[in-house]
Amino acid sequence: MKITIVGTGYVGLVTGTCFAEMGNSVTCVDIDEQKIENLKNGIIPIYEPGLEAMVKRNVVNNTLNFHTQLKECLDHCDMAFIAVGTPMGEDGSADLQYVLQVAKEIGQYMTSPLIVVDKSTVPVGTADKVQATIKGELEKRGENIEFHVVSNPEFLKEGDAISDFMKPDRVVVGTEHKETAEAMRRLYAPFFRSSMDRMLVMDVRSAEMTKYVANAMLATKISFMNEVSNICERVGADVNKVRIGIGSDSRIGYSFIYPGSGYGGSCFPKDVKALKKTAEQNGYNAQLLNAVEDVNDRQKFVIADKVIAHYGEDLSGKTFAIWGLSFKPGTDDMREAPSIYIIKKLTALGAKIQAYDPKAVHEAQTYYLKDIDGITYANSKYEALQGADALLLLTEWKEFRSPDFMEVQNALKEPLIFDGRNQFDDERLKQLGFTYYQIGKNGAA
């Protein structure tokens, strides 16, 4: 198939590259000329394991191309995917200006029958707006070209997006047009070699809703477990053991019930707010979602609060090593990362920070923490420890799982760890002489 992907952000670039990998002819379009030039030269704007090699391979094979002009990419195109950003507006709703601008240009430039696919995360009713926008532009041109708008939400995990796309657990397609549904089946068939049962075809509005509900459900599990962890601390229970006790129940499972410093990233915070706003716009107060968000906002400060409880409110003269800045391992994404809130709170109280992250340092330096005084960046996890008063583990990168604790102990002024991911064995650290604070467990080991 000949496919145009509009938007070369996380979703657009992964989607276009994976479709090209299966032999489709894909052109990714973006108005950012420098980004397009970089992509043509194999410079990838995001960190995602496996993506760079796949992009380069398909550029060489001429199955993947990059362009800045949508007008030149729609001629005899079979499908146009809208994968531009939907940033959160001031009121919490999704900002659709970029989606509708693409729809407008499609209506202005399309020359043959076209399937238009909403891949961006959009609220219920967006497909209707895209449909109306394209139709309005065609009417201005005096054209009557057939087109159909499909909802095809993405369910990619940052850090594992290539695997998620190439081996999806499900593909949701929203359309009531039989021929369009069949075209989407043909497109996704290579990703379901054993069975197409995991492609779920439904009406457009249900497909749009599915994306938000999935992320809100996962966010709810995270906030629920973090709320439980706070109760455990107060009653003297160990949340790590509670997690095992409930996770063994097949109705609950172990996914997304690890206590920590709260969720972040590009999806959960924005999508929970957008679903709340959708409910509000339709006369419903989503109390559970309000609580999910409130718990998460509070949870981001739990590790900072433990530091303050240990040292007091005045952190002048204290230096803390930070392991992990990204909101999760496997990505350089720092959007709504707990590290941002923790570092800002500690530095506001006079602390110095020595931070290390395998991939997110550039993001921190150039955007998320660029205005923060008192922060320096190390080239390795052990370098970050040198002369620090304590270690704060905030992101569970693999390289942090089994450190040399003797080296950690020798580098720190005192053997003290605040673990925002409950990654280490508290009994072992106690035997090694560490003071070890976790989430959801009262006191220190």
Protein backbone atom coordinates (compact mmCIF):
# COMPACT_ATOMS: atom_id res chain seq x y z
CA MET A 1 0.00 0.00 0.00
CA LYS A 2 0.99 3.61 -0.48
CA ILE A 3 0.76 5.29 2.92
CA THR A 4 1.30 8.85 4.10
CA ILE A 5 1.98 9.48 7.79
CA VAL A 6 1.53 13.09 8.92
CA GLY A 7 3.67 13.79 11.98
CA THR A 8 7.10 12.35 12.81
CA GLY A 9 6.80 12.34 16.57
CA TYR A 10 6.82 9.19 18.66
CA VAL A 11 3.64 7.66 17.23
CA GLY A 12 4.07 8.77 13.63
CA LEU A 13 7.68 7.71 13.25
CA VAL A 14 7.19 4.29 14.85
CA THR A 15 4.00 3.66 12.87
CA GLY A 16 5.47 4.69 9.53
CA THR A 17 8.68 2.75 10.06
CA CYS A 18 6.89 -0.46 11.04
CA PHE A 19 4.53 -0.26 8.06
CA ALA A 20 7.56 0.26 5.80
CA GLU A 21 9.25 -2.75 7.40
CA MET A 22 6.36 -4.89 6.11
CA GLY A 23 6.92 -3.71 2.54
CA ASN A 24 4.52 -0.80 2.25
CA SER A 25 5.59 2.41 0.54
CA VAL A 26 5.56 4.99 3.34
CA THR A 27 6.18 8.73 3.34
CA CYS A 28 6.38 10.53 6.68
CA VAL A 29 5.52 14.22 6.50
CA ASP A 30 6.42 16.95 8.97
CA ILE A 31 6.56 20.75 8.71
CA ASP A 32 9.79 20.80 10.74
CA GLU A 33 12.36 21.03 7.94
CA GLN A 34 15.35 20.37 10.19
CA LYS A 35 13.75 17.24 11.64
CA ILE A 36 13.00 15.91 8.14
CA GLU A 37 16.54 16.64 6.99
CA ASN A 38 17.92 14.85 10.04
CA LEU A 39 15.70 11.83 9.42
CA LYS A 40 16.88 11.62 5.83
CA ASN A 41 20.41 11.47 7.23
CA GLY A 42 19.56 8.80 9.80
CA ILE A 43 19.38 11.15 12.80
CA ILE A 44 16.45 10.04 14.96
CA PRO A 45 14.73 12.71 17.15
CA ILE A 46 13.69 10.28 19.90
CA TYR A 47 15.28 7.35 21.70
CA GLU A 48 13.42 4.11 21.14
CA PRO A 49 15.26 0.76 21.15
CA GLY A 50 15.49 -0.70 17.64
CA LEU A 51 13.99 2.30 15.86
CA GLU A 52 17.16 3.86 14.46
CA ALA A 53 18.31 0.68 12.72
CA MET A 54 14.85 0.05 11.28
CA VAL A 55 14.57 3.62 9.94
CA LYS A 56 17.96 3.43 8.27
CA ARG A 57 17.23 0.03 6.74
CA ASN A 58 13.96 1.13 5.19
CA VAL A 59 15.39 4.41 3.91
CA VAL A 60 18.06 2.39 2.10
CA ASN A 61 15.36 0.05 0.75
CA ASN A 62 13.34 3.09 -0.40
CA THR A 63 10.25 1.88 1.47
CA LEU A 64 10.48 4.82 3.87
CA ASN A 65 10.79 8.45 2.77
CA PHE A 66 10.50 11.82 4.46
CA HIS A 67 8.94 15.03 3.16
CA THR A 68 7.84 18.47 4.33
CA GLN A 69 4.94 19.02 1.89
CA LEU A 70 1.74 17.03 2.38
CA LYS A 71 0.41 18.23 -0.98
CA GLU A 72 3.06 16.24 -2.82
CA CYS A 73 2.38 13.02 -0.90
CA LEU A 74 -1.36 12.51 -1.43
CA ASP A 75 -1.38 11.71 -5.14
CA HIS A 76 -2.73 8.15 -5.52
CA CYS A 77 -2.21 7.58 -1.79
CA ASP A 78 -4.24 4.71 -0.28
CA MET A 79 -4.21 5.85 3.34
CA ALA A 80 -3.25 9.01 5.17
CA PHE A 81 -2.55 8.65 8.89
CA ILE A 82 -2.92 11.69 11.12
CA ALA A 83 -0.29 11.29 13.85
CA VAL A 84 0.33 14.85 15.00
CA GLY A 85 0.37 15.98 18.61
CA THR A 86 -2.72 16.68 20.68
CA PRO A 87 -1.25 18.71 23.55
CA MET A 88 -3.25 19.32 26.68
CA GLY A 89 -5.08 22.63 26.72
CA GLU A 90 -5.24 24.90 29.76
CA ASP A 91 -8.61 23.40 30.72
CA GLY A 92 -7.34 19.82 30.48
CA SER A 93 -8.97 19.04 27.14
CA ALA A 94 -7.04 17.79 24.10
CA ASP A 95 -6.00 20.56 21.70
CA LEU A 96 -7.14 19.45 18.24
CA GLN A 97 -5.81 22.37 16.21
CA TYR A 98 -3.01 20.33 14.61
CA VAL A 99 -5.28 17.38 13.81
CA LEU A 100 -7.85 19.63 12.16
CA GLN A 101 -5.16 21.55 10.27
CA VAL A 102 -4.00 18.28 8.73
CA ALA A 103 -7.61 17.39 7.92
CA LYS A 104 -7.98 20.77 6.20
CA GLU A 105 -4.89 20.19 4.07
CA ILE A 106 -6.04 16.69 3.16
CA GLY A 107 -9.31 18.17 1.91
CA GLN A 108 -7.39 20.79 -0.06
CA TYR A 109 -4.92 18.43 -1.72
CA MET A 110 -6.37 14.90 -2.03
CA THR A 111 -6.80 13.79 -5.64
CA SER A 112 -8.25 10.27 -5.38
CA PRO A 113 -10.34 8.13 -2.98
CA LEU A 114 -8.64 8.03 0.41
CA ILE A 115 -8.87 6.39 3.81
CA VAL A 116 -8.00 8.93 6.51
CA VAL A 117 -6.87 7.35 9.76
CA ASP A 118 -6.84 9.13 13.11
CA LYS A 119 -3.77 7.69 14.84
CA SER A 120 -3.34 10.61 17.27
CA THR A 121 -4.92 10.21 20.69
CA VAL A 122 -8.12 12.20 20.34
CA PRO A 123 -11.34 12.59 22.32
CA VAL A 124 -14.66 11.09 21.32
CA GLY A 125 -16.18 12.92 18.37
CA THR A 126 -12.90 13.91 16.70
CA ALA A 127 -13.48 11.70 13.65
CA ASP A 128 -16.72 13.58 13.02
CA LYS A 129 -14.79 16.88 13.08
CA VAL A 130 -12.13 15.51 10.75
CA GLN A 131 -14.86 14.26 8.41
CA ALA A 132 -16.61 17.64 8.37
CA THR A 133 -13.35 19.53 7.85
CA ILE A 134 -12.27 17.42 4.86
CA LYS A 135 -15.75 17.53 3.35
CA GLY A 136 -15.87 21.30 3.72
CA GLU A 137 -12.59 21.74 1.85
CA LEU A 138 -13.69 19.39 -0.93
CA GLU A 139 -16.90 21.37 -1.35
CA LYS A 140 -14.90 24.58 -1.66
CA ARG A 141 -12.99 22.93 -4.50
CA GLY A 142 -16.17 21.66 -6.11
CA GLU A 143 -14.88 18.09 -5.77
CA ASN A 144 -16.76 14.96 -4.77
CA ILE A 145 -13.92 12.54 -3.95
CA GLU A 146 -14.83 9.55 -1.79
CA PHE A 147 -13.08 9.28 1.58
CA HIS A 148 -13.63 7.57 4.91
CA VAL A 149 -12.34 8.53 8.35
CA VAL A 150 -11.15 5.72 10.61
CA SER A 151 -10.15 5.71 14.28
CA ASN A 152 -7.07 3.53 14.87
CA PRO A 153 -5.69 4.41 18.33
CA GLU A 154 -2.14 3.41 19.24
CA PHE A 155 -1.24 1.31 22.28
CA LEU A 156 2.55 1.59 22.24
CA LYS A 157 4.69 1.43 25.36
CA GLU A 158 7.66 3.77 25.22
CA GLY A 159 10.80 1.68 25.39
CA ASP A 160 9.08 -1.30 23.78
CA ALA A 161 7.20 0.35 20.92
CA ILE A 162 8.73 -1.60 18.04
CA SER A 163 7.83 -4.93 19.64
CA ASP A 164 4.34 -3.66 20.51
CA PHE A 165 3.71 -2.60 16.92
CA MET A 166 5.25 -5.62 15.22
CA LYS A 167 3.54 -8.08 17.59
CA PRO A 168 0.41 -6.27 18.82
CA ASP A 169 -1.84 -7.81 21.45
CA ARG A 170 -4.74 -6.07 19.66
CA VAL A 171 -5.44 -3.52 16.96
CA VAL A 172 -8.55 -1.39 17.40
CA VAL A 173 -10.23 -0.03 14.25
CA GLY A 174 -13.21 2.26 14.34
CA THR A 175 -15.27 2.24 11.14
CA GLU A 176 -18.72 1.14 10.01
CA HIS A 177 -17.72 0.99 6.34
CA LYS A 178 -17.19 -2.63 5.29
CA GLU A 179 -14.66 -1.97 2.49
CA THR A 180 -12.62 0.33 4.74
CA ALA A 181 -12.52 -2.30 7.49
CA GLU A 182 -11.28 -4.83 4.93
CA ALA A 183 -8.54 -2.44 3.76
CA MET A 184 -7.39 -2.04 7.37
CA ARG A 185 -7.35 -5.83 7.75
CA ARG A 186 -5.10 -6.12 4.70
CA LEU A 187 -2.78 -3.46 6.12
CA TYR A 188 -2.43 -5.17 9.49
CA ALA A 189 -2.52 -8.79 8.26
CA PRO A 190 1.32 -9.12 8.20
CA PHE A 191 1.38 -8.32 11.92
CA PHE A 192 -1.10 -11.15 12.70
CA ARG A 193 0.29 -14.14 10.86
CA SER A 194 -1.47 -16.70 13.04
CA SER A 195 -4.87 -15.08 13.49
CA MET A 196 -6.72 -11.85 12.76
CA ASP A 197 -8.93 -12.32 15.83
CA ARG A 198 -6.96 -9.63 17.67
CA MET A 199 -8.06 -6.94 15.22
CA LEU A 200 -11.15 -5.46 16.82
CA VAL A 201 -13.49 -3.56 14.50
CA MET A 202 -16.07 -1.33 16.15
CA ASP A 203 -17.84 1.98 15.65
CA VAL A 204 -15.67 5.09 15.51
CA ARG A 205 -16.72 6.60 18.83
CA SER A 206 -16.13 3.36 20.73
CA ALA A 207 -12.65 3.13 19.22
CA GLU A 208 -11.86 6.70 20.25
CA MET A 209 -13.09 5.97 23.76
CA THR A 210 -11.10 2.73 24.04
CA LYS A 211 -7.74 4.52 23.97
CA TYR A 212 -8.59 6.89 26.81
CA VAL A 213 -10.24 4.21 28.91
CA ALA A 214 -7.25 1.85 28.56
CA ASN A 215 -4.80 4.49 29.77
CA ALA A 216 -7.13 5.67 32.53
CA MET A 217 -7.53 2.09 33.75
CA LEU A 218 -3.76 1.55 33.90
CA ALA A 219 -3.30 4.91 35.63
CA THR A 220 -5.98 3.88 38.12
CA LYS A 221 -4.08 0.68 38.98
CA ILE A 222 -0.91 2.69 39.57
CA SER A 223 -2.58 5.30 41.76
CA PHE A 224 -4.52 2.63 43.65
CA MET A 225 -1.32 0.78 44.52
CA ASN A 226 0.43 3.99 45.49
CA GLU A 227 -2.48 4.84 47.77
CA VAL A 228 -2.17 1.37 49.31
CA SER A 229 1.57 1.93 49.78
CA ASN A 230 0.89 5.09 51.79
CA ILE A 231 -1.56 3.21 54.01
CA CYS A 232 0.98 0.40 54.46
CA GLU A 233 3.57 2.85 55.76
CA ARG A 234 1.15 4.13 58.37
CA VAL A 235 -0.03 0.74 59.65
CA GLY A 236 3.36 -0.99 59.61
CA ALA A 237 2.70 -3.28 56.65
CA ASP A 238 5.16 -3.95 53.81
CA VAL A 239 3.68 -3.00 50.44
CA ASN A 240 6.13 -5.29 48.63
CA LYS A 241 4.56 -8.31 50.32
CA VAL A 242 1.05 -6.94 49.86
CA ARG A 243 1.74 -6.57 46.13
CA ILE A 244 2.71 -10.23 45.87
CA GLY A 245 -0.35 -11.21 47.89
CA ILE A 246 -2.81 -9.47 45.59
CA GLY A 247 -0.93 -9.96 42.32
CA SER A 248 -1.23 -13.73 42.63
CA ASP A 249 -4.99 -13.30 42.23
CA SER A 250 -5.59 -13.95 38.52
CA ARG A 251 -8.34 -11.34 38.49
CA ILE A 252 -5.80 -8.68 39.45
CA GLY A 253 -2.39 -9.80 38.14
CA TYR A 254 1.00 -8.16 38.64
CA SER A 255 0.92 -5.59 35.84
CA PHE A 256 0.89 -1.95 36.96
CA ILE A 257 0.70 -2.68 40.70
CA TYR A 258 4.31 -1.81 41.53
CA PRO A 259 4.38 1.07 44.03
CA GLY A 260 6.57 3.99 43.06
CA SER A 261 6.86 7.74 42.64
CA GLY A 262 3.82 8.11 40.41
CA TYR A 263 3.17 7.84 36.69
CA GLY A 264 4.40 10.31 34.09
CA GLY A 265 5.06 10.38 30.37
CA SER A 266 3.11 11.60 27.39
CA CYS A 267 -0.02 9.46 27.78
CA PHE A 268 -1.35 8.78 31.25
CA PRO A 269 -1.34 12.35 32.67
CA LYS A 270 -2.76 13.88 29.50
CA ASP A 271 -5.30 11.15 28.79
CA VAL A 272 -6.69 11.05 32.33
CA LYS A 273 -7.21 14.81 32.18
CA ALA A 274 -8.79 14.58 28.74
CA LEU A 275 -11.21 11.84 29.82
CA LYS A 276 -12.13 13.88 32.90
CA LYS A 277 -12.79 16.85 30.63
CA THR A 278 -14.92 14.76 28.28
CA ALA A 279 -17.00 13.61 31.24
CA GLU A 280 -17.34 17.20 32.47
CA GLN A 281 -18.42 18.43 29.03
CA ASN A 282 -21.15 15.83 29.08
CA GLY A 283 -22.44 16.71 32.54
CA TYR A 284 -20.69 14.03 34.58
CA ASN A 285 -18.29 14.41 37.52
CA ALA A 286 -15.70 11.63 37.18
CA GLN A 287 -14.85 11.31 40.88
CA LEU A 288 -12.67 8.21 40.48
CA LEU A 289 -10.52 9.87 37.82
CA ASN A 290 -10.21 12.97 40.02
CA ALA A 291 -8.90 10.74 42.80
CA VAL A 292 -6.49 8.92 40.46
CA GLU A 293 -4.99 12.25 39.44
CA ASP A 294 -4.85 13.62 42.99
CA VAL A 295 -3.07 10.51 44.30
CA ASN A 296 -0.54 10.70 41.48
CA ASP A 297 0.17 14.38 42.04
CA ARG A 298 0.82 13.68 45.72
CA GLN A 299 2.89 10.56 45.05
CA LYS A 300 5.50 12.45 43.04
CA PHE A 301 6.70 14.13 46.23
CA VAL A 302 6.85 11.04 48.48
CA ILE A 303 10.60 10.44 48.04
CA ALA A 304 11.36 14.14 48.53
CA ASP A 305 9.26 14.06 51.69
CA LYS A 306 11.25 11.08 52.97
CA VAL A 307 14.48 12.99 52.37
CA ILE A 308 13.08 15.98 54.27
CA ALA A 309 11.87 13.76 57.11
CA HIS A 310 15.40 12.34 57.43
CA TYR A 311 17.39 15.59 57.16
CA GLY A 312 14.93 18.34 58.05
CA GLU A 313 13.62 21.27 56.01
CA ASP A 314 16.99 22.94 55.52
CA LEU A 315 18.97 20.98 52.92
CA SER A 316 21.72 23.56 52.50
CA GLY A 317 25.06 21.85 52.19
CA LYS A 318 23.50 18.52 51.20
CA THR A 319 24.20 16.85 47.86
CA PHE A 320 22.08 14.06 46.44
CA ALA A 321 22.91 11.63 43.67
CA ILE A 322 19.98 10.97 41.36
CA TRP A 323 19.82 7.75 39.34
CA GLY A 324 17.23 8.13 36.60
CA LEU A 325 15.50 11.17 35.12
CA SER A 326 13.15 9.76 32.47
CA PHE A 327 9.62 8.87 33.52
CA LYS A 328 10.35 5.17 32.84
CA PRO A 329 13.28 3.06 31.60
CA GLY A 330 13.83 2.54 27.88
CA THR A 331 13.06 6.12 26.84
CA ASP A 332 14.47 9.64 27.03
CA ASP A 333 10.97 11.04 27.65
CA MET A 334 10.76 13.27 30.73
CA ARG A 335 7.23 14.57 30.31
CA GLU A 336 5.62 14.68 33.78
CA ALA A 337 8.50 12.58 35.18
CA PRO A 338 8.57 12.37 39.01
CA SER A 339 12.26 13.34 38.89
CA ILE A 340 11.32 16.87 37.82
CA TYR A 341 9.13 17.45 40.86
CA ILE A 342 11.55 15.81 43.30
CA ILE A 343 14.58 17.73 42.05
CA LYS A 344 12.74 21.05 42.07
CA LYS A 345 11.57 20.52 45.65
CA LEU A 346 14.97 19.48 46.96
CA THR A 347 16.89 22.29 45.23
CA ALA A 348 14.32 24.82 46.49
CA LEU A 349 15.35 23.75 50.00
CA GLY A 350 19.04 24.32 49.24
CA ALA A 351 20.18 20.88 48.08
CA LYS A 352 22.66 20.21 45.28
CA ILE A 353 21.95 17.46 42.74
CA GLN A 354 24.32 15.17 40.82
CA ALA A 355 22.16 13.43 38.24
CA TYR A 356 22.71 10.54 35.86
CA ASP A 357 20.41 8.95 33.29
CA PRO A 358 21.48 6.70 30.39
CA LYS A 359 19.38 8.59 27.83
CA ALA A 360 17.53 11.61 29.27
CA VAL A 361 20.35 13.98 30.31
CA HIS A 362 20.07 16.03 27.12
CA GLU A 363 16.30 16.43 27.64
CA ALA A 364 16.91 17.58 31.20
CA GLN A 365 19.66 20.05 30.27
CA THR A 366 17.89 21.63 27.30
CA TYR A 367 14.33 21.74 28.54
CA TYR A 368 12.92 20.16 31.69
CA LEU A 369 15.57 21.22 34.23
CA LYS A 370 17.45 23.90 32.32
CA ASP A 371 16.49 26.69 34.73
CA ILE A 372 17.29 24.76 37.91
CA ASP A 373 20.31 25.98 39.89
CA GLY A 374 22.42 23.49 41.78
CA ILE A 375 22.23 20.56 39.38
CA THR A 376 25.14 18.92 37.58
CA TYR A 377 25.14 15.87 35.30
CA ALA A 378 27.41 12.84 35.55
CA ASN A 379 28.63 10.52 32.81
CA SER A 380 28.01 7.35 34.80
CA LYS A 381 26.02 6.11 37.76
CA TYR A 382 29.10 5.84 39.94
CA GLU A 383 30.37 9.29 39.00
CA ALA A 384 27.06 10.74 40.20
CA LEU A 385 27.68 9.24 43.66
CA GLN A 386 31.03 10.91 44.34
CA GLY A 387 30.79 12.99 47.51
CA ALA A 388 26.99 12.80 47.68
CA ASP A 389 25.19 12.50 51.00
CA ALA A 390 22.68 9.94 49.69
CA LEU A 391 21.45 8.17 46.56
CA LEU A 392 17.92 8.63 45.20
CA LEU A 393 16.82 5.96 42.70
CA LEU A 394 14.00 7.40 40.57
CA THR A 395 13.96 5.36 37.34
CA GLU A 396 14.48 1.60 37.24
CA TRP A 397 16.91 1.34 34.33
CA LYS A 398 18.45 -2.13 34.00
CA GLU A 399 21.95 -0.85 34.74
CA PHE A 400 20.76 0.19 38.21
CA ARG A 401 19.43 -3.25 39.17
CA SER A 402 22.65 -4.87 40.39
CA PRO A 403 25.17 -2.16 41.28
CA ASP A 404 28.38 -2.75 43.18
CA PHE A 405 27.10 -1.77 46.61
CA MET A 406 30.61 -1.57 48.03
CA GLU A 407 31.45 1.04 45.41
CA VAL A 408 28.20 2.83 46.18
CA GLN A 409 29.04 2.81 49.89
CA ASN A 410 32.57 4.07 49.34
CA ALA A 411 31.44 6.92 47.09
CA LEU A 412 28.69 8.25 49.37
CA LYS A 413 29.37 10.27 52.51
CA GLU A 414 27.14 7.80 54.32
CA PRO A 415 25.48 4.57 53.13
CA LEU A 416 21.99 5.97 52.56
CA ILE A 417 19.56 5.16 49.73
CA PHE A 418 16.06 6.48 49.01
CA ASP A 419 14.47 4.07 46.53
CA GLY A 420 11.53 5.45 44.53
CA ARG A 421 11.02 2.12 42.72
CA ASN A 422 11.49 -0.47 45.50
CA GLN A 423 14.15 -2.13 43.40
CA PHE A 424 16.63 -3.45 45.95
CA ASP A 425 16.56 -6.16 48.60
CA ASP A 426 16.13 -4.40 51.92
CA GLU A 427 17.52 -7.30 53.99
CA ARG A 428 20.70 -7.42 51.93
CA LEU A 429 21.22 -3.67 52.17
CA LYS A 430 20.66 -3.80 55.91
CA GLN A 431 23.37 -6.47 56.19
CA LEU A 432 25.72 -4.27 54.15
CA GLY A 433 25.18 -1.41 56.58
CA PHE A 434 22.91 0.80 54.44
CA THR A 435 20.06 2.92 55.66
CA TYR A 436 17.43 2.15 53.04
CA TYR A 437 14.10 3.91 52.52
CA GLN A 438 11.42 2.46 50.24
CA ILE A 439 7.94 3.38 49.06
CA GLY A 440 5.18 1.82 51.17
CA LYS A 441 7.28 0.65 54.10
CA ASN A 442 7.54 2.51 57.37
CA GLY A 443 10.99 3.64 58.46
CA ALA A 444 14.29 2.50 57.00
CA ALA A 445 15.99 -0.87 56.72
